[in-house]
């Protein structure tokens, strides 16, 4: 979903946003009043979510936080809905299990599991059932709720919201007239807010804007550091990056951020092709990419890579993935750990 699709400031979309806002306020009132109460899991819950649709770098943040807390002695599991998958029912990704494709598991859960490997990922709309399963089957002592800010039925110990420092609230309008899932005042529920893509001059103005919406929250910053280019060819997980210009292809919410990351890391992009977010690639897309690339090295995102690998006959030869790591400012992981230890 590109930026122009998140700024539909016309009467029809404003009317739809007003109707959507009525539903959001009614839903929030049920929880805020105590009329409906969240269920508390037997293990502490860390939620990582967004206020707006579009890429804030949530998946790299989930991966990095799970890895860091695991290194500090926690035994985490990831609970996620698996947006974009084509089947219903609960799916579990765990070491030693047969791993399904993105149609069954979803591309982001597969990206998370591929990066972490020994952290179970439970995929279902029913996060309560997923929490019970994760604790009972795997003996975990920490649950990380992916994209959980709007999922209020599950109580959380730490509620982290990622906000893009380059456009904190977009045009300020709710869906579908703007990018917001909820009004900015909803950030008052958050315990921690992280301004991502904070390597911009406007970061302090963005911090002040977020602070006005949520004066009680801990506010930090983070960037998304480019680790490098990794080969997608089977059996060659890490190879030196190719020289010369690249052909970039992706199917993500904000293609412009992918292109900007490539160029900022010194990888010139000669041409690019953008598919819709969560697009299911097939052999025709593969052939189109090869034709348009015309011999250039092809680079894509980690989220897209799991879907390309699902295309019959895809070998990854000549393809690269841009490896990105979530890099929060000093104090973020310590603050999360402090809040978890206080609960314990």
C-alpha atoms as a PDB file:
ATOM      1  CA  UNK A   1       0.000   0.000   0.000  1.00  0.00           C
ATOM      2  CA  UNK A   2       1.796   3.108  -1.207  1.00  0.00           C
ATOM      3  CA  UNK A   3       1.618   6.572   0.269  1.00  0.00           C
ATOM      4  CA  UNK A   4      -0.816   7.900  -2.355  1.00  0.00           C
ATOM      5  CA  UNK A   5      -3.298   5.197  -1.375  1.00  0.00           C
ATOM      6  CA  UNK A   6      -3.063   6.360   2.230  1.00  0.00           C
ATOM      7  CA  UNK A   7      -4.030   9.970   1.425  1.00  0.00           C
ATOM      8  CA  UNK A   8      -7.484   9.787  -0.122  1.00  0.00           C
ATOM      9  CA  UNK A   9      -8.722  13.195   0.977  1.00  0.00           C
ATOM     10  CA  UNK A  10     -11.988  13.303  -0.959  1.00  0.00           C
ATOM     11  CA  UNK A  11     -15.636  13.366   0.222  1.00  0.00           C
ATOM     12  CA  UNK A  12     -16.331   9.685  -0.423  1.00  0.00           C
ATOM     13  CA  UNK A  13     -13.319   8.448   1.526  1.00  0.00           C
ATOM     14  CA  UNK A  14     -13.826  11.006   4.295  1.00  0.00           C
ATOM     15  CA  UNK A  15     -17.386   9.729   4.728  1.00  0.00           C
ATOM     16  CA  UNK A  16     -16.147   6.136   4.874  1.00  0.00           C
ATOM     17  CA  UNK A  17     -13.499   7.175   7.407  1.00  0.00           C
ATOM     18  CA  UNK A  18     -16.148   8.831   9.572  1.00  0.00           C
ATOM     19  CA  UNK A  19     -18.188   5.626   9.575  1.00  0.00           C
ATOM     20  CA  UNK A  20     -15.068   3.601  10.363  1.00  0.00           C
ATOM     21  CA  UNK A  21     -14.315   6.017  13.203  1.00  0.00           C
ATOM     22  CA  UNK A  22     -17.714   5.355  14.781  1.00  0.00           C
ATOM     23  CA  UNK A  23     -16.898   1.655  14.922  1.00  0.00           C
ATOM     24  CA  UNK A  24     -13.406   2.312  16.307  1.00  0.00           C
ATOM     25  CA  UNK A  25     -14.727   4.558  19.074  1.00  0.00           C
ATOM     26  CA  UNK A  26     -17.490   2.100  20.011  1.00  0.00           C
ATOM     27  CA  UNK A  27     -15.026  -0.779  20.123  1.00  0.00           C
ATOM     28  CA  UNK A  28     -12.576   1.219  22.218  1.00  0.00           C
ATOM     29  CA  UNK A  29     -15.275   2.352  24.627  1.00  0.00           C
ATOM     30  CA  UNK A  30     -16.157  -1.261  25.459  1.00  0.00           C
ATOM     31  CA  UNK A  31     -12.596  -1.938  26.587  1.00  0.00           C
ATOM     32  CA  UNK A  32     -11.824   1.456  28.113  1.00  0.00           C
ATOM     33  CA  UNK A  33     -14.951   1.355  30.291  1.00  0.00           C
ATOM     34  CA  UNK A  34     -14.157  -2.102  31.652  1.00  0.00           C
ATOM     35  CA  UNK A  35     -17.337  -3.511  30.155  1.00  0.00           C
ATOM     36  CA  UNK A  36     -15.128  -6.100  28.471  1.00  0.00           C
ATOM     37  CA  UNK A  37     -11.937  -7.220  30.152  1.00  0.00           C
ATOM     38  CA  UNK A  38      -8.827  -8.723  28.533  1.00  0.00           C
ATOM     39  CA  UNK A  39      -7.688 -12.245  29.317  1.00  0.00           C
ATOM     40  CA  UNK A  40      -4.337 -12.590  31.071  1.00  0.00           C
ATOM     41  CA  UNK A  41      -1.993 -15.363  29.916  1.00  0.00           C
ATOM     42  CA  UNK A  42       0.131 -17.373  32.331  1.00  0.00           C
ATOM     43  CA  UNK A  43       3.285 -15.868  30.775  1.00  0.00           C
ATOM     44  CA  UNK A  44       4.063 -12.159  30.304  1.00  0.00           C
ATOM     45  CA  UNK A  45       3.088 -10.710  26.934  1.00  0.00           C
ATOM     46  CA  UNK A  46       5.008  -8.142  24.879  1.00  0.00           C
ATOM     47  CA  UNK A  47       2.968  -6.651  22.061  1.00  0.00           C
ATOM     48  CA  UNK A  48       4.558  -4.962  19.043  1.00  0.00           C
ATOM     49  CA  UNK A  49       2.118  -3.087  16.852  1.00  0.00           C
ATOM     50  CA  UNK A  50       1.332  -0.050  14.744  1.00  0.00           C
ATOM     51  CA  UNK A  51      -1.070   2.834  14.828  1.00  0.00           C
ATOM     52  CA  UNK A  52      -1.036   3.162  11.047  1.00  0.00           C
ATOM     53  CA  UNK A  53      -1.055   0.749   8.133  1.00  0.00           C
ATOM     54  CA  UNK A  54       2.018   0.645   5.938  1.00  0.00           C
ATOM     55  CA  UNK A  55       5.548  -0.338   6.714  1.00  0.00           C
ATOM     56  CA  UNK A  56       7.114   0.777   9.993  1.00  0.00           C
ATOM     57  CA  UNK A  57       9.589  -2.114  10.033  1.00  0.00           C
ATOM     58  CA  UNK A  58       7.552  -4.191  12.472  1.00  0.00           C
ATOM     59  CA  UNK A  59       8.746  -7.628  11.371  1.00  0.00           C
ATOM     60  CA  UNK A  60      12.478  -6.833  11.801  1.00  0.00           C
ATOM     61  CA  UNK A  61      11.581  -5.379  15.217  1.00  0.00           C
ATOM     62  CA  UNK A  62       9.797  -8.586  16.260  1.00  0.00           C
ATOM     63  CA  UNK A  63      12.768 -10.665  15.106  1.00  0.00           C
ATOM     64  CA  UNK A  64      15.342  -8.520  16.881  1.00  0.00           C
ATOM     65  CA  UNK A  65      13.373  -8.274  20.134  1.00  0.00           C
ATOM     66  CA  UNK A  66      12.764 -12.020  20.270  1.00  0.00           C
ATOM     67  CA  UNK A  67      16.456 -12.699  19.640  1.00  0.00           C
ATOM     68  CA  UNK A  68      17.607 -10.198  22.246  1.00  0.00           C
ATOM     69  CA  UNK A  69      15.247 -11.432  24.953  1.00  0.00           C
ATOM     70  CA  UNK A  70      16.182 -15.033  24.162  1.00  0.00           C
ATOM     71  CA  UNK A  71      19.836 -14.071  24.665  1.00  0.00           C
ATOM     72  CA  UNK A  72      18.870 -12.645  28.072  1.00  0.00           C
ATOM     73  CA  UNK A  73      17.462 -15.982  29.189  1.00  0.00           C
ATOM     74  CA  UNK A  74      13.813 -15.777  28.205  1.00  0.00           C
ATOM     75  CA  UNK A  75      12.099 -18.573  26.241  1.00  0.00           C
ATOM     76  CA  UNK A  76       9.818 -16.704  23.823  1.00  0.00           C
ATOM     77  CA  UNK A  77       7.154 -17.735  21.343  1.00  0.00           C
ATOM     78  CA  UNK A  78       5.638 -15.496  18.673  1.00  0.00           C
ATOM     79  CA  UNK A  79       1.856 -15.172  18.369  1.00  0.00           C
ATOM     80  CA  UNK A  80       0.660 -13.790  15.040  1.00  0.00           C
ATOM     81  CA  UNK A  81      -2.432 -13.682  12.885  1.00  0.00           C
ATOM     82  CA  UNK A  82      -0.602 -14.385   9.615  1.00  0.00           C
ATOM     83  CA  UNK A  83      -2.138 -11.708   7.429  1.00  0.00           C
ATOM     84  CA  UNK A  84      -2.600 -12.678   3.794  1.00  0.00           C
ATOM     85  CA  UNK A  85      -2.639 -16.446   4.165  1.00  0.00           C
ATOM     86  CA  UNK A  86      -5.346 -18.333   2.313  1.00  0.00           C
ATOM     87  CA  UNK A  87      -6.346 -20.958   4.853  1.00  0.00           C
ATOM     88  CA  UNK A  88      -8.029 -20.803   8.233  1.00  0.00           C
ATOM     89  CA  UNK A  89      -7.122 -22.620  11.387  1.00  0.00           C
ATOM     90  CA  UNK A  90      -4.102 -22.612  13.656  1.00  0.00           C
ATOM     91  CA  UNK A  91      -0.655 -23.290  12.202  1.00  0.00           C
ATOM     92  CA  UNK A  92       2.481 -23.882  14.283  1.00  0.00           C
ATOM     93  CA  UNK A  93       6.018 -23.329  13.030  1.00  0.00           C
ATOM     94  CA  UNK A  94       8.492 -25.140  15.261  1.00  0.00           C
ATOM     95  CA  UNK A  95      11.949 -26.728  14.933  1.00  0.00           C
ATOM     96  CA  UNK A  96      11.708 -30.195  13.429  1.00  0.00           C
ATOM     97  CA  UNK A  97       8.247 -29.683  11.952  1.00  0.00           C
ATOM     98  CA  UNK A  98       7.412 -29.682   8.254  1.00  0.00           C
ATOM     99  CA  UNK A  99       7.168 -25.995   7.353  1.00  0.00           C
ATOM    100  CA  UNK A 100       4.263 -25.038   5.068  1.00  0.00           C
ATOM    101  CA  UNK A 101       4.307 -22.374   2.371  1.00  0.00           C
ATOM    102  CA  UNK A 102       3.093 -18.770   2.622  1.00  0.00           C
ATOM    103  CA  UNK A 103      -0.460 -19.648   1.519  1.00  0.00           C
ATOM    104  CA  UNK A 104      -0.807 -21.674   4.726  1.00  0.00           C
ATOM    105  CA  UNK A 105       1.439 -19.795   7.154  1.00  0.00           C
ATOM    106  CA  UNK A 106       1.637 -16.259   5.740  1.00  0.00           C
ATOM    107  CA  UNK A 107       4.788 -14.531   4.526  1.00  0.00           C
ATOM    108  CA  UNK A 108       5.630 -12.540   7.667  1.00  0.00           C
ATOM    109  CA  UNK A 109       5.392 -15.548  10.039  1.00  0.00           C
ATOM    110  CA  UNK A 110       7.669 -17.472   7.691  1.00  0.00           C
ATOM    111  CA  UNK A 111      10.119 -14.575   7.607  1.00  0.00           C
ATOM    112  CA  UNK A 112      10.137 -14.472  11.418  1.00  0.00           C
ATOM    113  CA  UNK A 113      10.603 -18.227  11.809  1.00  0.00           C
ATOM    114  CA  UNK A 114      13.312 -18.367   9.127  1.00  0.00           C
ATOM    115  CA  UNK A 115      15.270 -15.663  10.944  1.00  0.00           C
ATOM    116  CA  UNK A 116      14.931 -17.136  14.456  1.00  0.00           C
ATOM    117  CA  UNK A 117      14.613 -20.891  13.767  1.00  0.00           C
ATOM    118  CA  UNK A 118      14.429 -22.067  17.381  1.00  0.00           C
ATOM    119  CA  UNK A 119      11.588 -19.757  18.460  1.00  0.00           C
ATOM    120  CA  UNK A 120       8.120 -21.267  17.861  1.00  0.00           C
ATOM    121  CA  UNK A 121       5.630 -19.197  15.883  1.00  0.00           C
ATOM    122  CA  UNK A 122       1.898 -19.826  16.432  1.00  0.00           C
ATOM    123  CA  UNK A 123      -0.406 -18.457  13.725  1.00  0.00           C
ATOM    124  CA  UNK A 124      -4.135 -17.946  14.360  1.00  0.00           C
ATOM    125  CA  UNK A 125      -6.750 -15.240  14.796  1.00  0.00           C
ATOM    126  CA  UNK A 126      -7.461 -16.616  18.303  1.00  0.00           C
ATOM    127  CA  UNK A 127      -4.452 -15.319  20.192  1.00  0.00           C
ATOM    128  CA  UNK A 128      -5.758 -16.653  23.524  1.00  0.00           C
ATOM    129  CA  UNK A 129      -5.781 -20.212  22.201  1.00  0.00           C
ATOM    130  CA  UNK A 130      -2.351 -19.627  20.671  1.00  0.00           C
ATOM    131  CA  UNK A 131      -0.998 -18.415  24.013  1.00  0.00           C
ATOM    132  CA  UNK A 132      -2.288 -21.492  25.832  1.00  0.00           C
ATOM    133  CA  UNK A 133      -0.841 -23.795  23.174  1.00  0.00           C
ATOM    134  CA  UNK A 134       2.567 -22.078  23.215  1.00  0.00           C
ATOM    135  CA  UNK A 135       2.919 -22.343  26.991  1.00  0.00           C
ATOM    136  CA  UNK A 136       1.650 -25.918  27.257  1.00  0.00           C
ATOM    137  CA  UNK A 137       3.432 -27.394  24.219  1.00  0.00           C
ATOM    138  CA  UNK A 138       6.727 -25.519  24.298  1.00  0.00           C
ATOM    139  CA  UNK A 139       7.070 -24.428  27.926  1.00  0.00           C
ATOM    140  CA  UNK A 140       7.761 -20.829  26.940  1.00  0.00           C
ATOM    141  CA  UNK A 141       7.884 -18.109  29.564  1.00  0.00           C
ATOM    142  CA  UNK A 142       7.358 -15.116  27.256  1.00  0.00           C
ATOM    143  CA  UNK A 143       4.788 -14.409  24.536  1.00  0.00           C
ATOM    144  CA  UNK A 144       5.495 -11.836  21.822  1.00  0.00           C
ATOM    145  CA  UNK A 145       2.298 -10.626  20.196  1.00  0.00           C
ATOM    146  CA  UNK A 146       2.967  -9.605  16.591  1.00  0.00           C
ATOM    147  CA  UNK A 147       0.840  -6.705  15.288  1.00  0.00           C
ATOM    148  CA  UNK A 148      -1.040  -6.675  18.561  1.00  0.00           C
ATOM    149  CA  UNK A 149      -1.875  -3.054  19.397  1.00  0.00           C
ATOM    150  CA  UNK A 150      -5.469  -3.318  18.164  1.00  0.00           C
ATOM    151  CA  UNK A 151      -5.924  -6.866  19.543  1.00  0.00           C
ATOM    152  CA  UNK A 152      -7.299  -5.974  22.956  1.00  0.00           C
ATOM    153  CA  UNK A 153      -8.720  -9.340  24.134  1.00  0.00           C
ATOM    154  CA  UNK A 154      -5.214 -10.406  25.247  1.00  0.00           C
ATOM    155  CA  UNK A 155      -3.710  -8.466  28.165  1.00  0.00           C
ATOM    156  CA  UNK A 156      -0.108  -7.428  27.740  1.00  0.00           C
ATOM    157  CA  UNK A 157       2.734  -6.636  30.087  1.00  0.00           C
ATOM    158  CA  UNK A 158       4.530  -4.299  27.684  1.00  0.00           C
ATOM    159  CA  UNK A 159       2.668  -2.578  24.838  1.00  0.00           C
ATOM    160  CA  UNK A 160       5.103  -1.319  22.185  1.00  0.00           C
ATOM    161  CA  UNK A 161       3.940   0.772  19.234  1.00  0.00           C
ATOM    162  CA  UNK A 162       6.137   1.591  16.247  1.00  0.00           C
ATOM    163  CA  UNK A 163       5.612   4.970  14.582  1.00  0.00           C
ATOM    164  CA  UNK A 164       7.332   6.059  11.376  1.00  0.00           C
ATOM    165  CA  UNK A 165       9.363   9.175  12.203  1.00  0.00           C
ATOM    166  CA  UNK A 166       9.039  10.404   8.616  1.00  0.00           C
ATOM    167  CA  UNK A 167       5.218  10.580   8.814  1.00  0.00           C
ATOM    168  CA  UNK A 168       3.969   9.845  12.348  1.00  0.00           C
ATOM    169  CA  UNK A 169       0.246  10.151  11.610  1.00  0.00           C
ATOM    170  CA  UNK A 170       0.230  10.551   7.841  1.00  0.00           C
ATOM    171  CA  UNK A 171      -2.514  12.997   6.838  1.00  0.00           C
ATOM    172  CA  UNK A 172      -4.133  12.512  10.255  1.00  0.00           C
ATOM    173  CA  UNK A 173      -7.177  10.698   8.881  1.00  0.00           C
ATOM    174  CA  UNK A 174      -8.552   7.252   9.653  1.00  0.00           C
ATOM    175  CA  UNK A 175      -8.861   4.505   7.074  1.00  0.00           C
ATOM    176  CA  UNK A 176      -9.676   4.639   4.211  1.00  0.00           C
ATOM    177  CA  UNK A 177      -9.093   8.399   3.886  1.00  0.00           C
ATOM    178  CA  UNK A 178      -5.712   8.094   5.581  1.00  0.00           C
ATOM    179  CA  UNK A 179      -3.357   5.521   7.102  1.00  0.00           C
ATOM    180  CA  UNK A 180      -4.602   5.489  10.708  1.00  0.00           C
ATOM    181  CA  UNK A 181      -6.212   2.402  12.235  1.00  0.00           C
ATOM    182  CA  UNK A 182      -7.069   4.474  15.298  1.00  0.00           C
ATOM    183  CA  UNK A 183      -6.838   8.176  16.228  1.00  0.00           C
ATOM    184  CA  UNK A 184      -3.468   9.358  17.632  1.00  0.00           C
ATOM    185  CA  UNK A 185      -4.947   9.549  21.158  1.00  0.00           C
ATOM    186  CA  UNK A 186      -5.087   5.734  21.138  1.00  0.00           C
ATOM    187  CA  UNK A 187      -1.337   5.885  21.805  1.00  0.00           C
ATOM    188  CA  UNK A 188      -2.231   6.623  25.430  1.00  0.00           C
ATOM    189  CA  UNK A 189      -2.672   2.852  25.799  1.00  0.00           C
ATOM    190  CA  UNK A 190       0.955   2.264  24.783  1.00  0.00           C
ATOM    191  CA  UNK A 191       3.616   1.800  27.407  1.00  0.00           C
ATOM    192  CA  UNK A 192       6.503   2.268  24.945  1.00  0.00           C
ATOM    193  CA  UNK A 193       6.641   4.030  21.571  1.00  0.00           C
ATOM    194  CA  UNK A 194       9.513   3.701  19.121  1.00  0.00           C
ATOM    195  CA  UNK A 195      10.036   6.167  16.295  1.00  0.00           C
ATOM    196  CA  UNK A 196      11.411   4.061  13.452  1.00  0.00           C
ATOM    197  CA  UNK A 197      13.396   5.366  10.482  1.00  0.00           C
ATOM    198  CA  UNK A 198      14.648   7.961  12.937  1.00  0.00           C
ATOM    199  CA  UNK A 199      17.711   8.912  10.874  1.00  0.00           C
ATOM    200  CA  UNK A 200      15.902  12.005   9.556  1.00  0.00           C
ATOM    201  CA  UNK A 201      16.184  15.680  10.450  1.00  0.00           C
ATOM    202  CA  UNK A 202      12.527  15.830  11.494  1.00  0.00           C
ATOM    203  CA  UNK A 203      12.849  13.201  14.229  1.00  0.00           C
ATOM    204  CA  UNK A 204      12.660  15.674  17.129  1.00  0.00           C
ATOM    205  CA  UNK A 205       9.544  17.304  15.678  1.00  0.00           C
ATOM    206  CA  UNK A 206       8.043  13.830  15.295  1.00  0.00           C
ATOM    207  CA  UNK A 207       8.980  12.964  18.881  1.00  0.00           C
ATOM    208  CA  UNK A 208       7.217  16.109  20.120  1.00  0.00           C
ATOM    209  CA  UNK A 209       4.127  15.264  18.061  1.00  0.00           C
ATOM    210  CA  UNK A 210       3.983  11.749  19.489  1.00  0.00           C
ATOM    211  CA  UNK A 211       4.625  13.022  23.028  1.00  0.00           C
ATOM    212  CA  UNK A 212       1.615  15.338  22.755  1.00  0.00           C
ATOM    213  CA  UNK A 213      -0.543  12.336  21.839  1.00  0.00           C
ATOM    214  CA  UNK A 214       0.916  10.060  24.533  1.00  0.00           C
ATOM    215  CA  UNK A 215       2.662  12.084  27.269  1.00  0.00           C
ATOM    216  CA  UNK A 216       2.874   9.090  29.620  1.00  0.00           C
ATOM    217  CA  UNK A 217       4.718   6.738  27.258  1.00  0.00           C
ATOM    218  CA  UNK A 218       8.412   5.924  27.120  1.00  0.00           C
ATOM    219  CA  UNK A 219       9.527   7.215  23.705  1.00  0.00           C
ATOM    220  CA  UNK A 220      12.629   5.972  21.917  1.00  0.00           C
ATOM    221  CA  UNK A 221      14.037   5.845  18.411  1.00  0.00           C
ATOM    222  CA  UNK A 222      15.304   3.195  16.031  1.00  0.00           C
ATOM    223  CA  UNK A 223      16.742   2.816  12.574  1.00  0.00           C
ATOM    224  CA  UNK A 224      16.749  -0.127  10.193  1.00  0.00           C
ATOM    225  CA  UNK A 225      20.344  -0.998   9.473  1.00  0.00           C
ATOM    226  CA  UNK A 226      21.205  -2.676   6.166  1.00  0.00           C
ATOM    227  CA  UNK A 227      23.284  -5.758   6.965  1.00  0.00           C
ATOM    228  CA  UNK A 228      23.984  -6.513   3.298  1.00  0.00           C
ATOM    229  CA  UNK A 229      22.797  -8.544   0.350  1.00  0.00           C
ATOM    230  CA  UNK A 230      22.421 -12.302   0.726  1.00  0.00           C
ATOM    231  CA  UNK A 231      22.072 -14.773  -2.093  1.00  0.00           C
ATOM    232  CA  UNK A 232      18.730 -16.532  -2.540  1.00  0.00           C
ATOM    233  CA  UNK A 233      20.296 -19.398  -4.471  1.00  0.00           C
ATOM    234  CA  UNK A 234      19.848 -22.763  -2.752  1.00  0.00           C
ATOM    235  CA  UNK A 235      22.960 -23.789  -0.851  1.00  0.00           C
ATOM    236  CA  UNK A 236      24.464 -20.307  -0.968  1.00  0.00           C
ATOM    237  CA  UNK A 237      22.982 -18.474   2.000  1.00  0.00           C
ATOM    238  CA  UNK A 238      25.694 -15.814   2.135  1.00  0.00           C
ATOM    239  CA  UNK A 239      27.714 -14.589  -0.823  1.00  0.00           C
ATOM    240  CA  UNK A 240      29.484 -11.308  -1.468  1.00  0.00           C
ATOM    241  CA  UNK A 241      27.056  -8.743  -2.919  1.00  0.00           C
ATOM    242  CA  UNK A 242      27.056  -8.269  -6.702  1.00  0.00           C
ATOM    243  CA  UNK A 243      28.799  -5.324  -8.320  1.00  0.00           C
ATOM    244  CA  UNK A 244      26.999  -2.783 -10.477  1.00  0.00           C
ATOM    245  CA  UNK A 245      23.368  -1.675 -10.778  1.00  0.00           C
ATOM    246  CA  UNK A 246      20.473  -3.784  -9.534  1.00  0.00           C
ATOM    247  CA  UNK A 247      16.914  -4.577 -10.542  1.00  0.00           C
ATOM    248  CA  UNK A 248      14.694  -4.239  -7.461  1.00  0.00           C
ATOM    249  CA  UNK A 249      11.387  -6.094  -7.089  1.00  0.00           C
ATOM    250  CA  UNK A 250       9.017  -6.186  -4.121  1.00  0.00           C
ATOM    251  CA  UNK A 251       5.427  -6.707  -2.987  1.00  0.00           C
ATOM    252  CA  UNK A 252       5.297  -4.652   0.221  1.00  0.00           C
ATOM    253  CA  UNK A 253       3.247  -1.773   1.629  1.00  0.00           C
ATOM    254  CA  UNK A 254       5.809   0.954   0.917  1.00  0.00           C
ATOM    255  CA  UNK A 255       8.147   0.109  -1.974  1.00  0.00           C
ATOM    256  CA  UNK A 256       9.799   3.506  -1.686  1.00  0.00           C
ATOM    257  CA  UNK A 257      11.356   2.564   1.664  1.00  0.00           C
ATOM    258  CA  UNK A 258      12.920  -0.550   0.118  1.00  0.00           C
ATOM    259  CA  UNK A 259      14.402   1.479  -2.730  1.00  0.00           C
ATOM    260  CA  UNK A 260      15.655   4.155  -0.335  1.00  0.00           C
ATOM    261  CA  UNK A 261      17.355   1.525   1.849  1.00  0.00           C
ATOM    262  CA  UNK A 262      19.140   0.048  -1.159  1.00  0.00           C
ATOM    263  CA  UNK A 263      20.399   3.402  -2.355  1.00  0.00           C
ATOM    264  CA  UNK A 264      21.410   4.543   1.131  1.00  0.00           C
ATOM    265  CA  UNK A 265      23.487   1.371   1.470  1.00  0.00           C
ATOM    266  CA  UNK A 266      25.327   2.174  -1.765  1.00  0.00           C
ATOM    267  CA  UNK A 267      23.513  -0.277  -4.034  1.00  0.00           C
ATOM    268  CA  UNK A 268      22.441   1.574  -7.203  1.00  0.00           C
ATOM    269  CA  UNK A 269      18.990   0.627  -8.494  1.00  0.00           C
ATOM    270  CA  UNK A 270      18.751   0.793 -12.278  1.00  0.00           C
ATOM    271  CA  UNK A 271      15.107  -0.261 -12.561  1.00  0.00           C
ATOM    272  CA  UNK A 272      12.411  -1.590 -10.245  1.00  0.00           C
ATOM    273  CA  UNK A 273       9.053  -3.362 -10.250  1.00  0.00           C
ATOM    274  CA  UNK A 274       6.479  -3.130  -7.456  1.00  0.00           C
ATOM    275  CA  UNK A 275       3.665  -5.632  -6.884  1.00  0.00           C
ATOM    276  CA  UNK A 276       0.776  -5.170  -4.394  1.00  0.00           C
ATOM    277  CA  UNK A 277       1.448  -5.894  -0.724  1.00  0.00           C
ATOM    278  CA  UNK A 278       1.410  -9.650   0.071  1.00  0.00           C
ATOM    279  CA  UNK A 279       1.149 -10.452  -3.670  1.00  0.00           C
ATOM    280  CA  UNK A 280       1.282 -14.181  -4.370  1.00  0.00           C
ATOM    281  CA  UNK A 281       3.965 -14.605  -7.003  1.00  0.00           C
ATOM    282  CA  UNK A 282       3.680 -17.202  -9.772  1.00  0.00           C
ATOM    283  CA  UNK A 283       5.760 -18.343 -12.745  1.00  0.00           C
ATOM    284  CA  UNK A 284       4.404 -15.490 -14.900  1.00  0.00           C
ATOM    285  CA  UNK A 285       5.663 -12.941 -12.382  1.00  0.00           C
ATOM    286  CA  UNK A 286       9.020 -14.719 -12.285  1.00  0.00           C
ATOM    287  CA  UNK A 287       9.301 -14.619 -16.083  1.00  0.00           C
ATOM    288  CA  UNK A 288       8.292 -10.960 -16.146  1.00  0.00           C
ATOM    289  CA  UNK A 289      10.957 -10.075 -13.581  1.00  0.00           C
ATOM    290  CA  UNK A 290      13.645 -11.938 -15.527  1.00  0.00           C
ATOM    291  CA  UNK A 291      12.575 -10.206 -18.726  1.00  0.00           C
ATOM    292  CA  UNK A 292      12.482  -6.730 -17.176  1.00  0.00           C
ATOM    293  CA  UNK A 293      15.784  -7.258 -15.342  1.00  0.00           C
ATOM    294  CA  UNK A 294      17.517  -8.002 -18.663  1.00  0.00           C
ATOM    295  CA  UNK A 295      20.534  -9.595 -17.028  1.00  0.00           C
ATOM    296  CA  UNK A 296      20.830  -7.307 -14.010  1.00  0.00           C
ATOM    297  CA  UNK A 297      21.191  -8.848 -10.560  1.00  0.00           C
ATOM    298  CA  UNK A 298      17.750  -8.998  -8.926  1.00  0.00           C
ATOM    299  CA  UNK A 299      17.209  -7.902  -5.319  1.00  0.00           C
ATOM    300  CA  UNK A 300      14.063  -8.281  -3.205  1.00  0.00           C
ATOM    301  CA  UNK A 301      12.970  -8.068   0.445  1.00  0.00           C
ATOM    302  CA  UNK A 302      13.068 -10.800   3.080  1.00  0.00           C
ATOM    303  CA  UNK A 303       9.262 -10.858   3.229  1.00  0.00           C
ATOM    304  CA  UNK A 304       9.034 -11.293  -0.531  1.00  0.00           C
ATOM    305  CA  UNK A 305      11.754 -13.946  -0.576  1.00  0.00           C
ATOM    306  CA  UNK A 306       9.612 -16.534   1.216  1.00  0.00           C
ATOM    307  CA  UNK A 307       6.904 -16.101  -1.445  1.00  0.00           C
ATOM    308  CA  UNK A 308       9.349 -16.314  -4.352  1.00  0.00           C
ATOM    309  CA  UNK A 309      10.709 -19.586  -2.962  1.00  0.00           C
ATOM    310  CA  UNK A 310       7.163 -20.959  -3.188  1.00  0.00           C
ATOM    311  CA  UNK A 311       7.050 -20.453  -6.985  1.00  0.00           C
ATOM    312  CA  UNK A 312       7.615 -23.782  -8.801  1.00  0.00           C
ATOM    313  CA  UNK A 313      10.984 -23.858 -10.516  1.00  0.00           C
ATOM    314  CA  UNK A 314      12.387 -20.882  -8.611  1.00  0.00           C
ATOM    315  CA  UNK A 315      16.067 -21.500  -7.833  1.00  0.00           C
ATOM    316  CA  UNK A 316      17.176 -18.085  -6.596  1.00  0.00           C
ATOM    317  CA  UNK A 317      20.120 -17.995  -9.007  1.00  0.00           C
ATOM    318  CA  UNK A 318      21.000 -14.359  -9.641  1.00  0.00           C
ATOM    319  CA  UNK A 319      18.619 -13.203  -6.900  1.00  0.00           C
ATOM    320  CA  UNK A 320      19.555 -11.389  -3.696  1.00  0.00           C
ATOM    321  CA  UNK A 321      17.671 -10.371  -0.567  1.00  0.00           C
ATOM    322  CA  UNK A 322      18.262  -7.124   1.299  1.00  0.00           C
ATOM    323  CA  UNK A 323      19.013  -8.114   4.893  1.00  0.00           C
ATOM    324  CA  UNK A 324      17.850  -5.458   7.375  1.00  0.00           C
ATOM    325  CA  UNK A 325      18.228  -5.348  11.147  1.00  0.00           C
ATOM    326  CA  UNK A 326      16.181  -3.302  13.595  1.00  0.00           C
ATOM    327  CA  UNK A 327      18.579  -1.065  15.563  1.00  0.00           C
ATOM    328  CA  UNK A 328      16.961   0.729  18.518  1.00  0.00           C
ATOM    329  CA  UNK A 329      18.726   3.497  20.381  1.00  0.00           C
ATOM    330  CA  UNK A 330      20.485   2.634  23.632  1.00  0.00           C
ATOM    331  CA  UNK A 331      18.180   1.739  26.489  1.00  0.00           C
ATOM    332  CA  UNK A 332      15.326   0.125  24.551  1.00  0.00           C
ATOM    333  CA  UNK A 333      16.072  -3.523  25.347  1.00  0.00           C
ATOM    334  CA  UNK A 334      16.969  -2.668  28.941  1.00  0.00           C
ATOM    335  CA  UNK A 335      13.647  -0.873  29.378  1.00  0.00           C
ATOM    336  CA  UNK A 336      11.686  -3.817  27.980  1.00  0.00           C
ATOM    337  CA  UNK A 337      13.601  -6.198  30.269  1.00  0.00           C
ATOM    338  CA  UNK A 338      13.028  -3.940  33.274  1.00  0.00           C
ATOM    339  CA  UNK A 339       9.278  -3.920  32.695  1.00  0.00           C
ATOM    340  CA  UNK A 340       9.201  -7.692  32.258  1.00  0.00           C
ATOM    341  CA  UNK A 341      11.200  -8.259  35.418  1.00  0.00           C
ATOM    342  CA  UNK A 342       8.882  -5.950  37.336  1.00  0.00           C
ATOM    343  CA  UNK A 343       5.948  -8.145  36.265  1.00  0.00           C
ATOM    344  CA  UNK A 344       7.831 -11.298  37.210  1.00  0.00           C
END
